[in-house]
Amino acid sequence: QVQLVESGGGLVQAGGSLTLSCAASGSIFSINIMGWYRQAPGKQRELVASIRRDGVTYYADSVKGRFTISRDNIKNKVYLQMNSLKPEDTAVYYCHDFVFGSWGQGTQVTVSS
């Protein structure tokens, strides 16, 4: 099992960009799928993006074309590059591994209008 720690959240104006990082305590090379979820106040946690070990990605329709997920299996990190941010992107963002089911503590992203 791995422990996940997110970083990179913050306050940004609409139209701005942020890059989230997820650092794993162990190797993620063998973890087939890593992903980013988010949870806004009063809403269910939703999958934002995921990436397979072979690089195949998935994006929720709401972020397609604006967000990019990537992974570095050497550094054991997963990234979420977020561009053209909108107020509706405001949420706590969580890193998740689909093999062991680990979650990070989350990082807050707030987009002001």
Protein backbone atom coordinates (compact mmCIF):
# COMPACT_ATOMS: atom_id res chain seq x y z
CA GLN A 1 0.00 0.00 0.00
CA VAL A 2 1.14 3.56 -0.66
CA GLN A 3 0.55 6.80 1.16
CA LEU A 4 -0.39 9.76 -0.98
CA VAL A 5 0.26 13.44 -0.26
CA GLU A 6 -1.22 16.18 -2.43
CA SER A 7 0.14 19.69 -2.82
CA GLY A 8 -0.22 22.69 -5.09
CA GLY A 9 -3.70 23.90 -4.28
CA GLY A 10 -4.53 27.52 -3.61
CA LEU A 11 -6.59 30.53 -4.55
CA VAL A 12 -6.61 31.61 -8.19
CA GLN A 13 -8.71 33.91 -10.33
CA ALA A 14 -10.97 32.54 -13.03
CA GLY A 15 -8.96 31.85 -16.15
CA GLY A 16 -5.84 31.09 -14.17
CA SER A 17 -3.82 27.92 -13.81
CA LEU A 18 -2.62 25.60 -11.06
CA THR A 19 -0.62 22.40 -11.02
CA LEU A 20 -1.41 19.81 -8.37
CA SER A 21 1.14 17.19 -7.35
CA CYS A 22 0.62 13.87 -5.65
CA ALA A 23 3.64 12.26 -4.04
CA ALA A 24 3.50 8.54 -3.23
CA SER A 25 5.46 6.99 -0.39
CA GLY A 26 6.27 3.95 -2.50
CA SER A 27 6.60 2.91 -6.09
CA ILE A 28 3.62 3.60 -8.32
CA PHE A 29 5.14 1.72 -11.24
CA SER A 30 3.01 -1.33 -10.55
CA ILE A 31 -0.16 0.66 -9.89
CA ASN A 32 -2.11 0.42 -13.13
CA ILE A 33 -4.38 3.40 -12.62
CA MET A 34 -3.88 6.61 -10.66
CA GLY A 35 -6.47 9.34 -10.53
CA TRP A 36 -7.60 12.71 -9.26
CA TYR A 37 -11.01 13.21 -7.66
CA ARG A 38 -12.62 16.37 -6.34
CA GLN A 39 -15.35 17.16 -3.88
CA ALA A 40 -17.15 20.47 -3.73
CA PRO A 41 -19.17 21.51 -0.68
CA GLY A 42 -22.48 19.66 -0.57
CA LYS A 43 -21.59 17.48 -3.53
CA GLN A 44 -20.38 13.93 -4.01
CA ARG A 45 -16.76 13.17 -4.73
CA GLU A 46 -16.29 12.87 -8.48
CA LEU A 47 -13.56 11.49 -10.71
CA VAL A 48 -11.80 14.29 -12.57
CA ALA A 49 -9.09 12.42 -14.44
CA SER A 50 -7.20 9.14 -14.40
CA ILE A 51 -4.10 7.76 -16.05
CA ARG A 52 -3.07 4.19 -16.72
CA ARG A 53 0.46 2.91 -16.43
CA ASP A 54 0.67 2.86 -20.25
CA GLY A 55 -0.30 6.53 -20.38
CA VAL A 56 -3.92 6.17 -21.45
CA THR A 57 -5.96 8.93 -19.85
CA TYR A 58 -9.56 9.64 -18.97
CA TYR A 59 -11.14 13.04 -18.30
CA ALA A 60 -14.51 14.07 -17.03
CA ASP A 61 -16.42 16.07 -19.64
CA SER A 62 -16.37 19.12 -17.39
CA VAL A 63 -12.56 19.37 -17.50
CA LYS A 64 -11.76 17.93 -20.92
CA GLY A 65 -9.48 20.25 -22.86
CA ARG A 66 -8.55 22.25 -19.75
CA PHE A 67 -6.92 19.72 -17.41
CA THR A 68 -4.01 17.38 -18.10
CA ILE A 69 -3.05 14.42 -15.93
CA SER A 70 0.43 12.94 -16.02
CA ARG A 71 2.54 10.54 -13.99
CA ASP A 72 6.23 10.07 -13.33
CA ASN A 73 6.86 6.46 -12.35
CA ILE A 74 10.49 7.23 -11.48
CA LYS A 75 9.67 10.07 -9.09
CA ASN A 76 6.49 8.30 -7.93
CA LYS A 77 4.38 11.35 -8.61
CA VAL A 78 1.12 12.14 -10.35
CA TYR A 79 0.29 15.63 -11.58
CA LEU A 80 -2.82 17.52 -12.57
CA GLN A 81 -2.24 20.59 -14.70
CA MET A 82 -5.33 22.78 -14.55
CA ASN A 83 -5.78 25.62 -17.04
CA SER A 84 -8.64 28.02 -17.74
CA LEU A 85 -9.96 27.46 -14.25
CA LYS A 86 -13.60 28.28 -13.52
CA PRO A 87 -15.36 29.04 -10.22
CA GLU A 88 -17.13 25.68 -10.55
CA ASP A 89 -13.73 23.96 -10.31
CA THR A 90 -13.58 25.03 -6.65
CA ALA A 91 -13.26 21.88 -4.55
CA VAL A 92 -10.94 19.77 -2.48
CA TYR A 93 -8.86 17.67 -4.86
CA TYR A 94 -7.78 14.16 -3.87
CA CYS A 95 -5.24 11.78 -5.31
CA HIS A 96 -6.27 8.12 -5.49
CA ASP A 97 -4.75 4.82 -6.48
CA PHE A 98 -7.10 2.24 -7.96
CA VAL A 99 -5.17 -0.81 -6.77
CA PHE A 100 -4.76 -0.35 -3.02
CA GLY A 101 -7.54 2.21 -2.71
CA SER A 102 -5.36 4.81 -1.00
CA TRP A 103 -6.45 8.44 -0.71
CA GLY A 104 -4.46 11.54 0.07
CA GLN A 105 -5.60 14.16 2.56
CA GLY A 106 -6.71 16.51 -0.21
CA THR A 107 -5.69 19.96 -1.33
CA GLN A 108 -8.07 22.92 -1.58
CA VAL A 109 -8.52 24.69 -4.90
CA THR A 110 -10.52 27.90 -4.86
CA VAL A 111 -11.30 29.80 -8.05
CA SER A 112 -12.63 33.33 -7.66
CA SER A 113 -14.79 35.00 -10.27
